[in-house]
Amino acid sequence: MGLSSGLSLFLTVTSTLSCSTMTRHHTVRINHRQEGKEYTLEVPNNNYILHSVEEQGNQLPCLCRNGAYTTCAVRILSGEVYQPEAVGLSPELKDKGYALLCVSYARSSLEIETQNEDEVYEIQFGQHFRRVKKKFKIFMDDD
């Protein structure tokens, strides 16, 4: 009885310690709006979502692969991501549920949809450009 109790305690402690370094997989459902396709994938929590999508033979819009552009932007419909390197998205857009897949890790099961890059750019920067109204004149020589 003593040996079995000690073994049980050892296994429990080992399991608890292993869980902190263990890779977890999350189900990610992607609505690729531009292509009219849907993907359901298992994605590890220690790999960028975009890399996992590509490793499983699927293609999504992307450009820079370092979180600076909004080509890979998605809207999170449900679930949670971790994206500390997403410098191409304002904190306000992140709070509204936008993410950049090239630098996002799944922290739970997700349901996401791809976005048009121009839409995201307009949401993020459009108000700044509308405030500034400039008139341009072209000066040409008469000769």
Protein backbone atom coordinates (compact mmCIF):
# COMPACT_ATOMS: atom_id res chain seq x y z
CA MET A 1 0.00 0.00 0.00
CA GLY A 2 2.83 2.40 0.86
CA LEU A 3 4.61 1.80 -2.48
CA SER A 4 1.44 2.28 -4.48
CA SER A 5 0.61 5.52 -2.64
CA GLY A 6 4.13 6.82 -3.23
CA LEU A 7 3.95 5.89 -6.92
CA SER A 8 0.59 7.60 -7.28
CA LEU A 9 1.94 10.77 -5.66
CA PHE A 10 5.00 10.68 -7.96
CA LEU A 11 2.87 10.31 -11.06
CA THR A 12 0.56 13.12 -10.01
CA VAL A 13 3.45 15.49 -9.34
CA THR A 14 5.17 14.53 -12.62
CA SER A 15 1.95 15.05 -14.56
CA THR A 16 1.41 18.46 -13.00
CA LEU A 17 4.97 19.55 -13.82
CA SER A 18 4.72 18.23 -17.38
CA CYS A 19 1.51 20.11 -18.06
CA SER A 20 3.28 23.47 -17.88
CA THR A 21 5.64 22.52 -20.74
CA MET A 22 3.22 20.33 -22.67
CA THR A 23 1.93 21.50 -26.03
CA ARG A 24 -1.82 21.89 -26.18
CA HIS A 25 -3.77 21.81 -29.42
CA HIS A 26 -6.82 23.94 -30.14
CA THR A 27 -9.45 23.60 -32.82
CA VAL A 28 -9.42 26.60 -35.15
CA ARG A 29 -12.28 27.14 -37.56
CA ILE A 30 -11.43 29.64 -40.31
CA ASN A 31 -13.88 31.27 -42.70
CA HIS A 32 -11.73 32.36 -45.66
CA ARG A 33 -14.11 35.03 -46.98
CA GLN A 34 -12.13 35.93 -50.09
CA GLU A 35 -12.05 32.32 -51.33
CA GLY A 36 -15.42 31.19 -50.00
CA LYS A 37 -13.75 28.31 -48.12
CA GLU A 38 -13.83 27.06 -44.55
CA TYR A 39 -11.08 25.19 -42.76
CA THR A 40 -11.15 23.36 -39.44
CA LEU A 41 -7.69 22.61 -38.09
CA GLU A 42 -5.92 21.51 -34.94
CA VAL A 43 -3.30 24.12 -34.04
CA PRO A 44 -0.65 23.83 -31.30
CA ASN A 45 -0.47 26.67 -28.80
CA ASN A 46 3.29 27.10 -29.33
CA ASN A 47 3.23 27.71 -33.09
CA TYR A 48 1.99 30.74 -35.02
CA ILE A 49 -1.49 30.04 -36.37
CA LEU A 50 -0.52 31.00 -39.93
CA HIS A 51 2.44 28.57 -39.88
CA SER A 52 0.18 25.77 -38.67
CA VAL A 53 -2.39 26.53 -41.38
CA GLU A 54 0.31 26.38 -44.05
CA GLU A 55 1.91 23.24 -42.61
CA GLN A 56 -1.48 21.56 -43.02
CA GLY A 57 -1.60 22.46 -46.71
CA ASN A 58 -3.86 25.52 -46.66
CA GLN A 59 -3.19 29.04 -47.91
CA LEU A 60 -4.35 32.30 -46.35
CA PRO A 61 -3.48 35.90 -47.27
CA CYS A 62 -0.12 37.02 -45.85
CA LEU A 63 2.74 39.31 -46.75
CA CYS A 64 5.32 40.33 -44.17
CA ARG A 65 5.16 37.40 -41.70
CA ASN A 66 6.33 39.62 -38.85
CA GLY A 67 3.19 41.42 -37.66
CA ALA A 68 3.73 44.73 -39.43
CA TYR A 69 1.09 44.60 -42.21
CA THR A 70 -2.61 43.80 -42.10
CA THR A 71 -2.68 41.34 -45.01
CA CYS A 72 -3.16 38.38 -42.65
CA ALA A 73 -5.68 40.18 -40.44
CA VAL A 74 -8.63 38.19 -39.16
CA ARG A 75 -11.58 38.95 -36.94
CA ILE A 76 -11.94 36.67 -33.96
CA LEU A 77 -15.57 35.60 -33.62
CA SER A 78 -14.90 33.42 -30.58
CA GLY A 79 -11.87 32.34 -28.60
CA GLU A 80 -8.61 33.94 -27.56
CA VAL A 81 -5.20 34.55 -29.14
CA TYR A 82 -1.89 35.82 -27.83
CA GLN A 83 -0.20 38.27 -30.23
CA PRO A 84 2.52 40.30 -28.51
CA GLU A 85 4.38 40.95 -31.79
CA ALA A 86 1.39 42.33 -33.74
CA VAL A 87 2.74 45.86 -34.12
CA GLY A 88 0.63 46.39 -37.26
CA LEU A 89 -2.59 46.50 -35.22
CA SER A 90 -3.55 49.23 -32.81
CA PRO A 91 -4.57 48.26 -29.27
CA GLU A 92 -8.09 49.43 -30.17
CA LEU A 93 -8.34 46.98 -33.07
CA LYS A 94 -7.00 44.16 -30.91
CA ASP A 95 -9.67 45.02 -28.35
CA LYS A 96 -12.31 44.87 -31.11
CA GLY A 97 -11.25 41.29 -31.89
CA TYR A 98 -8.78 41.68 -34.73
CA ALA A 99 -5.59 39.62 -34.92
CA LEU A 100 -2.65 39.09 -37.27
CA LEU A 101 -2.33 35.35 -37.89
CA CYS A 102 1.36 35.53 -38.80
CA VAL A 103 2.22 36.39 -35.16
CA SER A 104 -0.74 34.95 -33.23
CA TYR A 105 -0.81 31.93 -30.95
CA ALA A 106 -4.07 30.13 -30.19
CA ARG A 107 -4.92 30.22 -26.47
CA SER A 108 -8.27 28.45 -26.89
CA SER A 109 -10.41 26.99 -29.63
CA LEU A 110 -11.13 29.72 -32.17
CA GLU A 111 -13.62 30.76 -34.77
CA ILE A 112 -12.16 33.40 -37.08
CA GLU A 113 -12.80 35.00 -40.45
CA THR A 114 -10.34 36.57 -42.85
CA GLN A 115 -10.67 40.28 -43.52
CA ASN A 116 -10.02 42.41 -46.54
CA GLU A 117 -6.73 44.21 -45.94
CA ASP A 118 -8.19 47.51 -47.17
CA GLU A 119 -11.09 47.25 -44.68
CA VAL A 120 -8.72 46.78 -41.76
CA TYR A 121 -6.43 49.54 -42.98
CA GLU A 122 -9.43 51.91 -43.31
CA ILE A 123 -10.67 51.06 -39.82
CA GLN A 124 -7.23 51.63 -38.36
CA PHE A 125 -5.99 54.65 -40.32
CA GLY A 126 -8.87 56.07 -42.37
CA GLN A 127 -10.01 58.55 -39.74
CA HIS A 128 -6.52 60.09 -39.67
CA PHE A 129 -6.41 60.67 -43.43
CA ARG A 130 -9.95 62.10 -43.59
CA ARG A 131 -9.04 64.78 -41.03
CA VAL A 132 -6.31 66.22 -43.22
CA LYS A 133 -7.69 67.92 -46.31
CA LYS A 134 -4.99 69.13 -48.59
CA LYS A 135 -5.26 70.83 -51.91
CA PHE A 136 -2.53 70.04 -54.33
CA LYS A 137 -1.55 72.34 -57.14
CA ILE A 138 0.71 71.37 -59.93
CA PHE A 139 3.02 74.11 -61.06
CA MET A 140 4.28 73.79 -64.58
CA ASP A 141 6.66 75.92 -66.53
CA ASP A 142 5.24 77.53 -69.64
CA ASP A 143 8.23 76.58 -71.77
